[in-house]
Amino acid sequence: MHYDPAMKWLRVLLPIILLGLWLAPAAPARAGEERVERLSASFAVQADGTVDVRYELHWDFGEAGRRGIQFGIRTREP
């Protein structure tokens, strides 16, 4: 069997690196950030070609002080 010193170091360092990554703490959540808490959309295509759309969005604005989002949905297409 061929002796490779690089493989020896890899066998020693790799478990240490992996253990360090596993034990590293996760980044804390920042309270001031906005986030989507829940999003659901449903589309029902009717026989006449129209589409009934229900869109629910629960948005947490965090500490940003905002009170809404800009949202657009097309109402007609050729």
PDB file of N, CA and C in Angstrom:
ATOM      1  N   MET A   1       0.832  -1.175   0.000  1.00  0.00           N
ATOM      2  CA  MET A   1       0.000   0.000   0.000  1.00  0.00           C
ATOM      3  C   MET A   1       0.881   1.244   0.000  1.00  0.00           C
ATOM      4  N   HIS A   2       0.507   2.230  -0.801  1.00  0.00           N
ATOM      5  CA  HIS A   2       1.282   3.456  -0.958  1.00  0.00           C
ATOM      6  C   HIS A   2       0.960   4.425   0.177  1.00  0.00           C
ATOM      7  N   TYR A   3       1.975   5.016   0.796  1.00  0.00           N
ATOM      8  CA  TYR A   3       1.810   5.976   1.893  1.00  0.00           C
ATOM      9  C   TYR A   3       1.702   7.377   1.311  1.00  0.00           C
ATOM     10  N   ASP A   4       0.647   8.078   1.626  1.00  0.00           N
ATOM     11  CA  ASP A   4       0.438   9.441   1.131  1.00  0.00           C
ATOM     12  C   ASP A   4       0.248  10.352   2.335  1.00  0.00           C
ATOM     13  N   PRO A   5       1.228  11.244   2.632  1.00  0.00           N
ATOM     14  CA  PRO A   5       1.122  12.115   3.794  1.00  0.00           C
ATOM     15  C   PRO A   5      -0.066  13.074   3.718  1.00  0.00           C
ATOM     16  N   ALA A   6      -0.451  13.482   2.522  1.00  0.00           N
ATOM     17  CA  ALA A   6      -1.595  14.392   2.392  1.00  0.00           C
ATOM     18  C   ALA A   6      -2.872  13.711   2.858  1.00  0.00           C
ATOM     19  N   MET A   7      -3.005  12.433   2.571  1.00  0.00           N
ATOM     20  CA  MET A   7      -4.210  11.706   2.992  1.00  0.00           C
ATOM     21  C   MET A   7      -4.251  11.582   4.510  1.00  0.00           C
ATOM     22  N   LYS A   8      -3.075  11.458   5.135  1.00  0.00           N
ATOM     23  CA  LYS A   8      -3.028  11.378   6.594  1.00  0.00           C
ATOM     24  C   LYS A   8      -3.597  12.666   7.191  1.00  0.00           C
ATOM     25  N   TRP A   9      -3.164  13.825   6.673  1.00  0.00           N
ATOM     26  CA  TRP A   9      -3.666  15.102   7.188  1.00  0.00           C
ATOM     27  C   TRP A   9      -5.150  15.271   6.896  1.00  0.00           C
ATOM     28  N   LEU A  10      -5.582  14.800   5.732  1.00  0.00           N
ATOM     29  CA  LEU A  10      -6.991  14.894   5.391  1.00  0.00           C
ATOM     30  C   LEU A  10      -7.832  14.062   6.355  1.00  0.00           C
ATOM     31  N   ARG A  11      -7.351  12.873   6.695  1.00  0.00           N
ATOM     32  CA  ARG A  11      -8.080  12.016   7.644  1.00  0.00           C
ATOM     33  C   ARG A  11      -8.124  12.629   9.038  1.00  0.00           C
ATOM     34  N   VAL A  12      -7.148  13.418   9.398  1.00  0.00           N
ATOM     35  CA  VAL A  12      -7.103  14.067  10.706  1.00  0.00           C
ATOM     36  C   VAL A  12      -7.939  15.342  10.707  1.00  0.00           C
ATOM     37  N   LEU A  13      -7.775  16.177   9.672  1.00  0.00           N
ATOM     38  CA  LEU A  13      -8.422  17.489   9.660  1.00  0.00           C
ATOM     39  C   LEU A  13      -9.893  17.449   9.268  1.00  0.00           C
ATOM     40  N   LEU A  14     -10.280  16.563   8.373  1.00  0.00           N
ATOM     41  CA  LEU A  14     -11.657  16.544   7.909  1.00  0.00           C
ATOM     42  C   LEU A  14     -12.665  16.323   9.041  1.00  0.00           C
ATOM     43  N   PRO A  15     -12.480  15.339   9.912  1.00  0.00           N
ATOM     44  CA  PRO A  15     -13.431  15.191  11.024  1.00  0.00           C
ATOM     45  C   PRO A  15     -13.462  16.410  11.951  1.00  0.00           C
ATOM     46  N   ILE A  16     -12.321  17.045  12.153  1.00  0.00           N
ATOM     47  CA  ILE A  16     -12.277  18.235  13.013  1.00  0.00           C
ATOM     48  C   ILE A  16     -13.057  19.378  12.368  1.00  0.00           C
ATOM     49  N   ILE A  17     -12.874  19.569  11.071  1.00  0.00           N
ATOM     50  CA  ILE A  17     -13.600  20.629  10.361  1.00  0.00           C
ATOM     51  C   ILE A  17     -15.100  20.355  10.376  1.00  0.00           C
ATOM     52  N   LEU A  18     -15.486  19.129  10.084  1.00  0.00           N
ATOM     53  CA  LEU A  18     -16.905  18.785  10.077  1.00  0.00           C
ATOM     54  C   LEU A  18     -17.530  18.948  11.458  1.00  0.00           C
ATOM     55  N   LEU A  19     -16.821  18.555  12.493  1.00  0.00           N
ATOM     56  CA  LEU A  19     -17.324  18.720  13.857  1.00  0.00           C
ATOM     57  C   LEU A  19     -17.465  20.201  14.191  1.00  0.00           C
ATOM     58  N   GLY A  20     -16.503  21.009  13.770  1.00  0.00           N
ATOM     59  CA  GLY A  20     -16.582  22.443  14.013  1.00  0.00           C
ATOM     60  C   GLY A  20     -17.775  23.074  13.316  1.00  0.00           C
ATOM     61  N   LEU A  21     -18.047  22.658  12.086  1.00  0.00           N
ATOM     62  CA  LEU A  21     -19.211  23.181  11.365  1.00  0.00           C
ATOM     63  C   LEU A  21     -20.512  22.740  12.027  1.00  0.00           C
ATOM     64  N   TRP A  22     -20.551  21.513  12.499  1.00  0.00           N
ATOM     65  CA  TRP A  22     -21.759  20.992  13.139  1.00  0.00           C
ATOM     66  C   TRP A  22     -22.027  21.709  14.456  1.00  0.00           C
ATOM     67  N   LEU A  23     -20.981  22.037  15.196  1.00  0.00           N
ATOM     68  CA  LEU A  23     -21.143  22.680  16.501  1.00  0.00           C
ATOM     69  C   LEU A  23     -21.240  24.201  16.418  1.00  0.00           C
ATOM     70  N   ALA A  24     -20.941  24.776  15.257  1.00  0.00           N
ATOM     71  CA  ALA A  24     -20.981  26.238  15.115  1.00  0.00           C
ATOM     72  C   ALA A  24     -22.404  26.738  15.322  1.00  0.00           C
ATOM     73  N   PRO A  25     -22.561  27.804  16.067  1.00  0.00           N
ATOM     74  CA  PRO A  25     -23.913  28.307  16.300  1.00  0.00           C
ATOM     75  C   PRO A  25     -24.493  28.907  15.026  1.00  0.00           C
ATOM     76  N   ALA A  26     -25.804  28.793  14.902  1.00  0.00           N
ATOM     77  CA  ALA A  26     -26.494  29.389  13.752  1.00  0.00           C
ATOM     78  C   ALA A  26     -26.531  30.895  13.929  1.00  0.00           C
ATOM     79  N   ALA A  27     -26.606  31.596  12.832  1.00  0.00           N
ATOM     80  CA  ALA A  27     -26.700  33.055  12.891  1.00  0.00           C
ATOM     81  C   ALA A  27     -28.024  33.439  13.541  1.00  0.00           C
ATOM     82  N   PRO A  28     -27.998  34.380  14.467  1.00  0.00           N
ATOM     83  CA  PRO A  28     -29.253  34.772  15.129  1.00  0.00           C
ATOM     84  C   PRO A  28     -30.180  35.483  14.167  1.00  0.00           C
ATOM     85  N   ALA A  29     -31.473  35.307  14.382  1.00  0.00           N
ATOM     86  CA  ALA A  29     -32.465  36.005  13.572  1.00  0.00           C
ATOM     87  C   ALA A  29     -32.437  37.478  13.932  1.00  0.00           C
ATOM     88  N   ARG A  30     -32.594  38.303  12.943  1.00  0.00           N
ATOM     89  CA  ARG A  30     -32.603  39.742  13.177  1.00  0.00           C
ATOM     90  C   ARG A  30     -34.046  40.204  13.268  1.00  0.00           C
ATOM     91  N   ALA A  31     -34.392  40.788  14.392  1.00  0.00           N
ATOM     92  CA  ALA A  31     -35.778  41.166  14.654  1.00  0.00           C
ATOM     93  C   ALA A  31     -36.284  42.243  13.716  1.00  0.00           C
ATOM     94  N   GLY A  32     -35.418  43.053  13.162  1.00  0.00           N
ATOM     95  CA  GLY A  32     -35.844  44.152  12.329  1.00  0.00           C
ATOM     96  C   GLY A  32     -36.172  43.769  10.892  1.00  0.00           C
ATOM     97  N   GLU A  33     -35.942  42.542  10.503  1.00  0.00           N
ATOM     98  CA  GLU A  33     -36.142  42.148   9.123  1.00  0.00           C
ATOM     99  C   GLU A  33     -37.582  41.755   8.839  1.00  0.00           C
ATOM    100  N   GLU A  34     -38.011  42.056   7.619  1.00  0.00           N
ATOM    101  CA  GLU A  34     -39.325  41.630   7.168  1.00  0.00           C
ATOM    102  C   GLU A  34     -39.254  40.174   6.738  1.00  0.00           C
ATOM    103  N   ARG A  35     -40.422  39.510   6.787  1.00  0.00           N
ATOM    104  CA  ARG A  35     -40.445  38.132   6.320  1.00  0.00           C
ATOM    105  C   ARG A  35     -41.868  37.720   5.974  1.00  0.00           C
ATOM    106  N   VAL A  36     -41.979  36.772   5.084  1.00  0.00           N
ATOM    107  CA  VAL A  36     -43.271  36.205   4.732  1.00  0.00           C
ATOM    108  C   VAL A  36     -43.549  35.078   5.719  1.00  0.00           C
ATOM    109  N   GLU A  37     -44.643  35.188   6.450  1.00  0.00           N
ATOM    110  CA  GLU A  37     -45.002  34.131   7.401  1.00  0.00           C
ATOM    111  C   GLU A  37     -45.779  33.011   6.719  1.00  0.00           C
ATOM    112  N   ARG A  38     -46.658  33.400   5.790  1.00  0.00           N
ATOM    113  CA  ARG A  38     -47.431  32.374   5.091  1.00  0.00           C
ATOM    114  C   ARG A  38     -47.876  32.931   3.743  1.00  0.00           C
ATOM    115  N   LEU A  39     -47.870  32.071   2.735  1.00  0.00           N
ATOM    116  CA  LEU A  39     -48.300  32.458   1.400  1.00  0.00           C
ATOM    117  C   LEU A  39     -49.058  31.288   0.801  1.00  0.00           C
ATOM    118  N   SER A  40     -50.252  31.571   0.311  1.00  0.00           N
ATOM    119  CA  SER A  40     -50.998  30.532  -0.390  1.00  0.00           C
ATOM    120  C   SER A  40     -51.728  31.164  -1.556  1.00  0.00           C
ATOM    121  N   ALA A  41     -51.800  30.433  -2.641  1.00  0.00           N
ATOM    122  CA  ALA A  41     -52.495  30.910  -3.829  1.00  0.00           C
ATOM    123  C   ALA A  41     -53.240  29.745  -4.442  1.00  0.00           C
ATOM    124  N   SER A  42     -54.459  30.026  -4.879  1.00  0.00           N
ATOM    125  CA  SER A  42     -55.227  28.995  -5.579  1.00  0.00           C
ATOM    126  C   SER A  42     -55.857  29.625  -6.805  1.00  0.00           C
ATOM    127  N   PHE A  43     -55.936  28.856  -7.869  1.00  0.00           N
ATOM    128  CA  PHE A  43     -56.459  29.318  -9.150  1.00  0.00           C
ATOM    129  C   PHE A  43     -57.484  28.297  -9.630  1.00  0.00           C
ATOM    130  N   ALA A  44     -58.656  28.771  -9.985  1.00  0.00           N
ATOM    131  CA  ALA A  44     -59.700  27.895 -10.512  1.00  0.00           C
ATOM    132  C   ALA A  44     -60.076  28.406 -11.900  1.00  0.00           C
ATOM    133  N   VAL A  45     -59.736  27.633 -12.920  1.00  0.00           N
ATOM    134  CA  VAL A  45     -60.045  28.017 -14.294  1.00  0.00           C
ATOM    135  C   VAL A  45     -61.482  27.606 -14.587  1.00  0.00           C
ATOM    136  N   GLN A  46     -62.277  28.568 -15.041  1.00  0.00           N
ATOM    137  CA  GLN A  46     -63.677  28.331 -15.333  1.00  0.00           C
ATOM    138  C   GLN A  46     -63.856  27.926 -16.798  1.00  0.00           C
ATOM    139  N   ALA A  47     -65.013  27.390 -17.124  1.00  0.00           N
ATOM    140  CA  ALA A  47     -65.305  26.928 -18.485  1.00  0.00           C
ATOM    141  C   ALA A  47     -65.260  28.070 -19.498  1.00  0.00           C
ATOM    142  N   ASP A  48     -65.595  29.284 -19.072  1.00  0.00           N
ATOM    143  CA  ASP A  48     -65.597  30.423 -19.999  1.00  0.00           C
ATOM    144  C   ASP A  48     -64.217  31.045 -20.176  1.00  0.00           C
ATOM    145  N   GLY A  49     -63.180  30.477 -19.553  1.00  0.00           N
ATOM    146  CA  GLY A  49     -61.813  30.963 -19.703  1.00  0.00           C
ATOM    147  C   GLY A  49     -61.368  31.926 -18.627  1.00  0.00           C
ATOM    148  N   THR A  50     -62.275  32.334 -17.751  1.00  0.00           N
ATOM    149  CA  THR A  50     -61.881  33.206 -16.657  1.00  0.00           C
ATOM    150  C   THR A  50     -61.216  32.377 -15.564  1.00  0.00           C
ATOM    151  N   VAL A  51     -60.507  33.066 -14.719  1.00  0.00           N
ATOM    152  CA  VAL A  51     -59.801  32.389 -13.632  1.00  0.00           C
ATOM    153  C   VAL A  51     -60.160  33.070 -12.319  1.00  0.00           C
ATOM    154  N   ASP A  52     -60.622  32.292 -11.370  1.00  0.00           N
ATOM    155  CA  ASP A  52     -60.858  32.798 -10.020  1.00  0.00           C
ATOM    156  C   ASP A  52     -59.572  32.593  -9.230  1.00  0.00           C
ATOM    157  N   VAL A  53     -59.095  33.669  -8.618  1.00  0.00           N
ATOM    158  CA  VAL A  53     -57.820  33.629  -7.909  1.00  0.00           C
ATOM    159  C   VAL A  53     -58.042  33.994  -6.452  1.00  0.00           C
ATOM    160  N   ARG A  54     -57.468  33.223  -5.573  1.00  0.00           N
ATOM    161  CA  ARG A  54     -57.440  33.552  -4.142  1.00  0.00           C
ATOM    162  C   ARG A  54     -55.979  33.555  -3.722  1.00  0.00           C
ATOM    163  N   TYR A  55     -55.538  34.678  -3.192  1.00  0.00           N
ATOM    164  CA  TYR A  55     -54.128  34.869  -2.830  1.00  0.00           C
ATOM    165  C   TYR A  55     -54.085  35.384  -1.407  1.00  0.00           C
ATOM    166  N   GLU A  56     -53.473  34.633  -0.518  1.00  0.00           N
ATOM    167  CA  GLU A  56     -53.343  35.054   0.875  1.00  0.00           C
ATOM    168  C   GLU A  56     -51.869  35.186   1.213  1.00  0.00           C
ATOM    169  N   LEU A  57     -51.542  36.342   1.747  1.00  0.00           N
ATOM    170  CA  LEU A  57     -50.159  36.636   2.100  1.00  0.00           C
ATOM    171  C   LEU A  57     -50.134  37.211   3.512  1.00  0.00           C
ATOM    172  N   HIS A  58     -49.424  36.546   4.396  1.00  0.00           N
ATOM    173  CA  HIS A  58     -49.239  37.035   5.762  1.00  0.00           C
ATOM    174  C   HIS A  58     -47.789  37.482   5.869  1.00  0.00           C
ATOM    175  N   TRP A  59     -47.597  38.776   6.025  1.00  0.00           N
ATOM    176  CA  TRP A  59     -46.278  39.398   5.969  1.00  0.00           C
ATOM    177  C   TRP A  59     -45.966  40.009   7.325  1.00  0.00           C
ATOM    178  N   ASP A  60     -44.814  39.690   7.859  1.00  0.00           N
ATOM    179  CA  ASP A  60     -44.346  40.293   9.113  1.00  0.00           C
ATOM    180  C   ASP A  60     -43.389  41.417   8.733  1.00  0.00           C
ATOM    181  N   PHE A  61     -43.755  42.661   9.047  1.00  0.00           N
ATOM    182  CA  PHE A  61     -42.940  43.803   8.681  1.00  0.00           C
ATOM    183  C   PHE A  61     -41.806  44.058   9.668  1.00  0.00           C
ATOM    184  N   GLY A  62     -41.728  43.265  10.717  1.00  0.00           N
ATOM    185  CA  GLY A  62     -40.656  43.440  11.685  1.00  0.00           C
ATOM    186  C   GLY A  62     -40.692  44.818  12.293  1.00  0.00           C
ATOM    187  N   GLU A  63     -39.556  45.420  12.406  1.00  0.00           N
ATOM    188  CA  GLU A  63     -39.468  46.761  12.988  1.00  0.00           C
ATOM    189  C   GLU A  63     -39.316  47.826  11.908  1.00  0.00           C
ATOM    190  N   ALA A  64     -39.628  47.478  10.661  1.00  0.00           N
ATOM    191  CA  ALA A  64     -39.436  48.401   9.544  1.00  0.00           C
ATOM    192  C   ALA A  64     -40.428  49.555   9.575  1.00  0.00           C
ATOM    193  N   GLY A  65     -41.570  49.362  10.233  1.00  0.00           N
ATOM    194  CA  GLY A  65     -42.552  50.422  10.313  1.00  0.00           C
ATOM    195  C   GLY A  65     -43.397  50.569   9.066  1.00  0.00           C
ATOM    196  N   ARG A  66     -43.243  49.684   8.111  1.00  0.00           N
ATOM    197  CA  ARG A  66     -44.058  49.744   6.905  1.00  0.00           C
ATOM    198  C   ARG A  66     -45.423  49.142   7.179  1.00  0.00           C
ATOM    199  N   ARG A  67     -46.389  49.493   6.344  1.00  0.00           N
ATOM    200  CA  ARG A  67     -47.748  49.003   6.551  1.00  0.00           C
ATOM    201  C   ARG A  67     -48.356  48.403   5.297  1.00  0.00           C
ATOM    202  N   GLY A  68     -47.550  47.982   4.367  1.00  0.00           N
ATOM    203  CA  GLY A  68     -48.099  47.379   3.161  1.00  0.00           C
ATOM    204  C   GLY A  68     -47.015  47.019   2.174  1.00  0.00           C
ATOM    205  N   ILE A  69     -47.413  46.270   1.160  1.00  0.00           N
ATOM    206  CA  ILE A  69     -46.492  45.891   0.098  1.00  0.00           C
ATOM    207  C   ILE A  69     -47.103  46.326  -1.222  1.00  0.00           C
ATOM    208  N   GLN A  70     -46.279  46.435  -2.244  1.00  0.00           N
ATOM    209  CA  GLN A  70     -46.792  46.691  -3.583  1.00  0.00           C
ATOM    210  C   GLN A  70     -47.044  45.340  -4.233  1.00  0.00           C
ATOM    211  N   PHE A  71     -48.262  45.163  -4.694  1.00  0.00           N
ATOM    212  CA  PHE A  71     -48.661  43.870  -5.237  1.00  0.00           C
ATOM    213  C   PHE A  71     -49.487  44.115  -6.493  1.00  0.00           C
ATOM    214  N   GLY A  72     -49.172  43.423  -7.532  1.00  0.00           N
ATOM    215  CA  GLY A  72     -49.932  43.564  -8.767  1.00  0.00           C
ATOM    216  C   GLY A  72     -50.281  42.205  -9.336  1.00  0.00           C
ATOM    217  N   ILE A  73     -51.464  42.114  -9.908  1.00  0.00           N
ATOM    218  CA  ILE A  73     -51.877  40.878 -10.573  1.00  0.00           C
ATOM    219  C   ILE A  73     -52.578  41.276 -11.864  1.00  0.00           C
ATOM    220  N   ARG A  74     -52.227  40.624 -12.929  1.00  0.00           N
ATOM    221  CA  ARG A  74     -52.842  40.930 -14.227  1.00  0.00           C
ATOM    222  C   ARG A  74     -54.310  40.513 -14.192  1.00  0.00           C
ATOM    223  N   THR A  75     -55.141  41.361 -14.754  1.00  0.00           N
ATOM    224  CA  THR A  75     -56.577  41.063 -14.779  1.00  0.00           C
ATOM    225  C   THR A  75     -57.041  40.605 -16.157  1.00  0.00           C
ATOM    226  N   ARG A  76     -56.262  40.907 -17.184  1.00  0.00           N
ATOM    227  CA  ARG A  76     -56.620  40.471 -18.542  1.00  0.00           C
ATOM    228  C   ARG A  76     -55.364  40.144 -19.342  1.00  0.00           C
ATOM    229  N   GLU A  77     -55.479  39.138 -20.153  1.00  0.00           N
ATOM    230  CA  GLU A  77     -54.427  38.746 -21.086  1.00  0.00           C
ATOM    231  C   GLU A  77     -55.096  38.447 -22.413  1.00  0.00           C
ATOM    232  N   PRO A  78     -54.447  38.759 -23.529  1.00  0.00           N
ATOM    233  CA  PRO A  78     -55.051  38.449 -24.839  1.00  0.00           C
ATOM    234  C   PRO A  78     -55.107  36.949 -25.087  1.00  0.00           C
TER     235      PRO A  78
END
